[in-house]
C-alpha atoms as a PDB file:
ATOM      1  CA  MET A   1      15.138  12.581  15.756  1.00  0.00           C
ATOM      2  CA  LEU A   2      11.604  11.191  15.993  1.00  0.00           C
ATOM      3  CA  LYS A   3      10.482   9.773  19.334  1.00  0.00           C
ATOM      4  CA  GLN A   4       8.161   7.112  17.895  1.00  0.00           C
ATOM      5  CA  GLY A   5       6.401   5.836  14.805  1.00  0.00           C
ATOM      6  CA  LEU A   6       7.824   5.364  11.341  1.00  0.00           C
ATOM      7  CA  ILE A   7      11.609   5.576  11.071  1.00  0.00           C
ATOM      8  CA  ASN A   8      12.243   4.467   7.473  1.00  0.00           C
ATOM      9  CA  ARG A   9      13.574   7.710   6.002  1.00  0.00           C
ATOM     10  CA  ASP A  10      12.521   6.936   2.414  1.00  0.00           C
ATOM     11  CA  LEU A  11       9.025   5.968   3.481  1.00  0.00           C
ATOM     12  CA  LEU A  12       8.691   9.114   5.583  1.00  0.00           C
ATOM     13  CA  ALA A  13       9.909  11.313   2.736  1.00  0.00           C
ATOM     14  CA  TYR A  14       7.528   9.842   0.161  1.00  0.00           C
ATOM     15  CA  ALA A  15       4.580   9.852   2.577  1.00  0.00           C
ATOM     16  CA  ALA A  16       5.219  13.518   3.439  1.00  0.00           C
ATOM     17  CA  GLU A  17       4.880  14.446  -0.238  1.00  0.00           C
ATOM     18  CA  LEU A  18       1.455  12.825  -0.678  1.00  0.00           C
ATOM     19  CA  GLY A  19      -1.452  15.123  -1.436  1.00  0.00           C
ATOM     20  CA  HIS A  20      -5.166  14.772  -2.014  1.00  0.00           C
ATOM     21  CA  THR A  21      -5.920  12.240  -4.791  1.00  0.00           C
ATOM     22  CA  ASP A  22      -2.319  10.989  -4.922  1.00  0.00           C
ATOM     23  CA  SER A  23      -1.942   7.232  -4.754  1.00  0.00           C
ATOM     24  CA  PHE A  24       0.650   4.806  -3.509  1.00  0.00           C
ATOM     25  CA  VAL A  25       0.833   1.018  -3.334  1.00  0.00           C
ATOM     26  CA  ILE A  26       1.593  -1.492  -0.617  1.00  0.00           C
ATOM     27  CA  ALA A  27       2.636  -4.655  -2.441  1.00  0.00           C
ATOM     28  CA  ASP A  28       3.666  -8.239  -2.043  1.00  0.00           C
ATOM     29  CA  CYS A  29       7.168  -9.115  -3.191  1.00  0.00           C
ATOM     30  CA  GLY A  30       6.007 -10.342  -6.608  1.00  0.00           C
ATOM     31  CA  LEU A  31       4.054  -7.378  -7.955  1.00  0.00           C
ATOM     32  CA  PRO A  32       5.637  -6.015 -11.147  1.00  0.00           C
ATOM     33  CA  ILE A  33       6.603  -2.380 -10.627  1.00  0.00           C
ATOM     34  CA  PRO A  34       7.255  -0.055 -13.572  1.00  0.00           C
ATOM     35  CA  GLU A  35      10.803   1.319 -13.650  1.00  0.00           C
ATOM     36  CA  HIS A  36       9.660   4.943 -13.276  1.00  0.00           C
ATOM     37  CA  VAL A  37       7.819   4.308  -9.986  1.00  0.00           C
ATOM     38  CA  PRO A  38      10.033   4.676  -6.888  1.00  0.00           C
ATOM     39  CA  VAL A  39      10.152   1.694  -4.539  1.00  0.00           C
ATOM     40  CA  VAL A  40      10.589   1.674  -0.779  1.00  0.00           C
ATOM     41  CA  ASP A  41      11.693  -1.918  -0.347  1.00  0.00           C
ATOM     42  CA  VAL A  42      11.148  -3.091   3.220  1.00  0.00           C
ATOM     43  CA  SER A  43      11.360  -6.792   2.347  1.00  0.00           C
ATOM     44  CA  VAL A  44      13.972  -8.852   4.186  1.00  0.00           C
ATOM     45  CA  GLU A  45      13.162 -12.371   3.029  1.00  0.00           C
ATOM     46  CA  PHE A  46      10.245 -14.288   1.531  1.00  0.00           C
ATOM     47  CA  GLY A  47       7.398 -13.850   3.984  1.00  0.00           C
ATOM     48  CA  TYR A  48       8.931 -11.055   6.042  1.00  0.00           C
ATOM     49  CA  PRO A  49       7.649  -8.552   6.733  1.00  0.00           C
ATOM     50  CA  GLU A  50       4.134  -9.644   5.872  1.00  0.00           C
ATOM     51  CA  PHE A  51       1.708  -7.336   4.111  1.00  0.00           C
ATOM     52  CA  PHE A  52      -0.376  -6.507   7.194  1.00  0.00           C
ATOM     53  CA  ASP A  53       2.720  -6.004   9.376  1.00  0.00           C
ATOM     54  CA  VAL A  54       3.599  -3.072   7.119  1.00  0.00           C
ATOM     55  CA  THR A  55       0.041  -1.938   6.449  1.00  0.00           C
ATOM     56  CA  GLY A  56      -0.767  -1.806  10.148  1.00  0.00           C
ATOM     57  CA  ARG A  57       2.165   0.507  10.782  1.00  0.00           C
ATOM     58  CA  LEU A  58       1.794   2.759   7.743  1.00  0.00           C
ATOM     59  CA  LEU A  59      -1.922   3.311   7.186  1.00  0.00           C
ATOM     60  CA  PRO A  60      -2.661   4.874  10.607  1.00  0.00           C
ATOM     61  CA  HIS A  61      -0.542   7.820   9.407  1.00  0.00           C
ATOM     62  CA  ILE A  62      -2.366   8.231   6.075  1.00  0.00           C
ATOM     63  CA  VAL A  63      -5.777   9.668   5.199  1.00  0.00           C
ATOM     64  CA  ALA A  64      -7.133   7.041   2.810  1.00  0.00           C
ATOM     65  CA  GLU A  65     -10.037   8.192   0.662  1.00  0.00           C
ATOM     66  CA  SER A  66     -10.273   4.900  -1.213  1.00  0.00           C
ATOM     67  CA  VAL A  67      -8.419   1.663  -1.745  1.00  0.00           C
ATOM     68  CA  VAL A  68      -8.258  -0.692  -4.697  1.00  0.00           C
ATOM     69  CA  VAL A  69      -7.729  -4.438  -4.377  1.00  0.00           C
ATOM     70  CA  ALA A  70      -7.729  -7.270  -6.889  1.00  0.00           C
ATOM     71  CA  LYS A  71     -10.844  -9.409  -7.213  1.00  0.00           C
ATOM     72  CA  GLU A  72      -8.535 -12.430  -7.204  1.00  0.00           C
ATOM     73  CA  ALA A  73      -7.555 -11.701  -3.591  1.00  0.00           C
ATOM     74  CA  PRO A  74      -9.324 -13.810  -0.975  1.00  0.00           C
ATOM     75  CA  ALA A  75     -12.360 -12.194   0.694  1.00  0.00           C
ATOM     76  CA  ALA A  76     -10.498 -12.299   4.016  1.00  0.00           C
ATOM     77  CA  PHE A  77      -7.862  -9.965   2.543  1.00  0.00           C
ATOM     78  CA  GLY A  78     -10.396  -7.188   1.900  1.00  0.00           C
ATOM     79  CA  GLU A  79     -11.982  -7.750   5.291  1.00  0.00           C
ATOM     80  CA  GLU A  80      -8.676  -7.408   7.121  1.00  0.00           C
ATOM     81  CA  LEU A  81      -7.684  -4.396   5.041  1.00  0.00           C
ATOM     82  CA  ALA A  82     -10.962  -2.711   6.024  1.00  0.00           C
ATOM     83  CA  LEU A  83      -9.773  -2.764   9.646  1.00  0.00           C
ATOM     84  CA  TYR A  84      -7.043  -0.270   8.685  1.00  0.00           C
ATOM     85  CA  VAL A  85      -9.078   1.911   6.318  1.00  0.00           C
ATOM     86  CA  ALA A  86     -12.570   1.742   7.793  1.00  0.00           C
ATOM     87  CA  ASP A  87     -13.637   5.108   6.341  1.00  0.00           C
ATOM     88  CA  ALA A  88     -12.257   4.461   2.859  1.00  0.00           C
ATOM     89  CA  GLN A  89     -14.280   3.275  -0.093  1.00  0.00           C
ATOM     90  CA  GLN A  90     -13.030  -0.133  -1.272  1.00  0.00           C
ATOM     91  CA  GLU A  91     -12.965  -0.804  -5.009  1.00  0.00           C
ATOM     92  CA  VAL A  92     -12.388  -4.237  -6.510  1.00  0.00           C
ATOM     93  CA  VAL A  93     -10.799  -4.580  -9.963  1.00  0.00           C
ATOM     94  CA  SER A  94      -9.037  -7.313 -11.891  1.00  0.00           C
ATOM     95  CA  HIS A  95      -5.427  -7.973 -11.015  1.00  0.00           C
ATOM     96  CA  GLU A  96      -4.485  -6.781 -14.508  1.00  0.00           C
ATOM     97  CA  GLU A  97      -6.247  -3.451 -13.897  1.00  0.00           C
ATOM     98  CA  LEU A  98      -4.582  -3.097 -10.481  1.00  0.00           C
ATOM     99  CA  LYS A  99      -1.181  -3.582 -12.143  1.00  0.00           C
ATOM    100  CA  ARG A 100      -2.045  -0.775 -14.580  1.00  0.00           C
ATOM    101  CA  LEU A 101      -2.884   1.523 -11.653  1.00  0.00           C
ATOM    102  CA  VAL A 102       0.582   0.947 -10.193  1.00  0.00           C
ATOM    103  CA  ALA A 103       2.045   3.003 -13.061  1.00  0.00           C
ATOM    104  CA  ASP A 104       0.313   6.138 -11.702  1.00  0.00           C
ATOM    105  CA  ALA A 105       1.404   5.634  -8.085  1.00  0.00           C
ATOM    106  CA  LYS A 106       3.752   8.100  -6.405  1.00  0.00           C
ATOM    107  CA  PHE A 107       5.646   5.148  -4.890  1.00  0.00           C
ATOM    108  CA  VAL A 108       5.371   1.472  -3.977  1.00  0.00           C
ATOM    109  CA  VAL A 109       6.124  -0.066  -0.593  1.00  0.00           C
ATOM    110  CA  ARG A 110       7.373  -3.579  -1.337  1.00  0.00           C
ATOM    111  CA  THR A 111       6.839  -6.041   1.513  1.00  0.00           C
ATOM    112  CA  GLY A 112       8.145  -9.578   1.816  1.00  0.00           C
ATOM    113  CA  SER A 113       4.646 -11.040   1.529  1.00  0.00           C
ATOM    114  CA  VAL A 114       4.312 -14.162  -0.600  1.00  0.00           C
ATOM    115  CA  VAL A 115       0.526 -14.317  -0.217  1.00  0.00           C
ATOM    116  CA  PRO A 116      -0.865 -14.025  -3.764  1.00  0.00           C
ATOM    117  CA  TYR A 117      -2.648 -10.753  -4.587  1.00  0.00           C
ATOM    118  CA  SER A 118      -1.587  -9.030  -1.351  1.00  0.00           C
ATOM    119  CA  ASN A 119      -1.558  -5.605  -2.962  1.00  0.00           C
ATOM    120  CA  VAL A 120      -3.490  -2.403  -2.398  1.00  0.00           C
ATOM    121  CA  VAL A 121      -3.574   0.914  -4.194  1.00  0.00           C
ATOM    122  CA  VAL A 122      -4.298   3.644  -1.647  1.00  0.00           C
ATOM    123  CA  ARG A 123      -5.763   6.934  -2.839  1.00  0.00           C
ATOM    124  CA  CYS A 124      -5.185   9.757  -0.388  1.00  0.00           C
ATOM    125  CA  GLY A 125      -7.830  12.030   1.015  1.00  0.00           C
ATOM    126  CA  VAL A 126      -7.722  15.042   3.289  1.00  0.00           C
ATOM    127  CA  PRO A 127      -8.132  15.125   7.081  1.00  0.00           C
ATOM    128  CA  PHE A 128     -10.974  17.675   7.064  1.00  0.00           C
END
């Protein structure tokens, strides 16, 4: 039994399997997810939990080498995301390209966020 931190068993299991250059996605509740990509669905209702509620609890446990966001997302989205992945390179692509990247993700964490384009593809690095 863990004393603190993440307790979602599916999220812990998928995160533990991540290696260097693997990617995963934190998504709003509307992002289309290919059938072959596993989903850890933490959504409860529209708007809950919000994207940054989940991001702020998950990303401190992950070494992020780079992140990809959609150019359609508001500038404030990328700025807030940078607070959680300060050392990661941030790439901006079209929303259509971001959706294509989802197909290569190891898993998707689906939040309840209804804020358009609240999605990030996280590419993992190494802690050394």
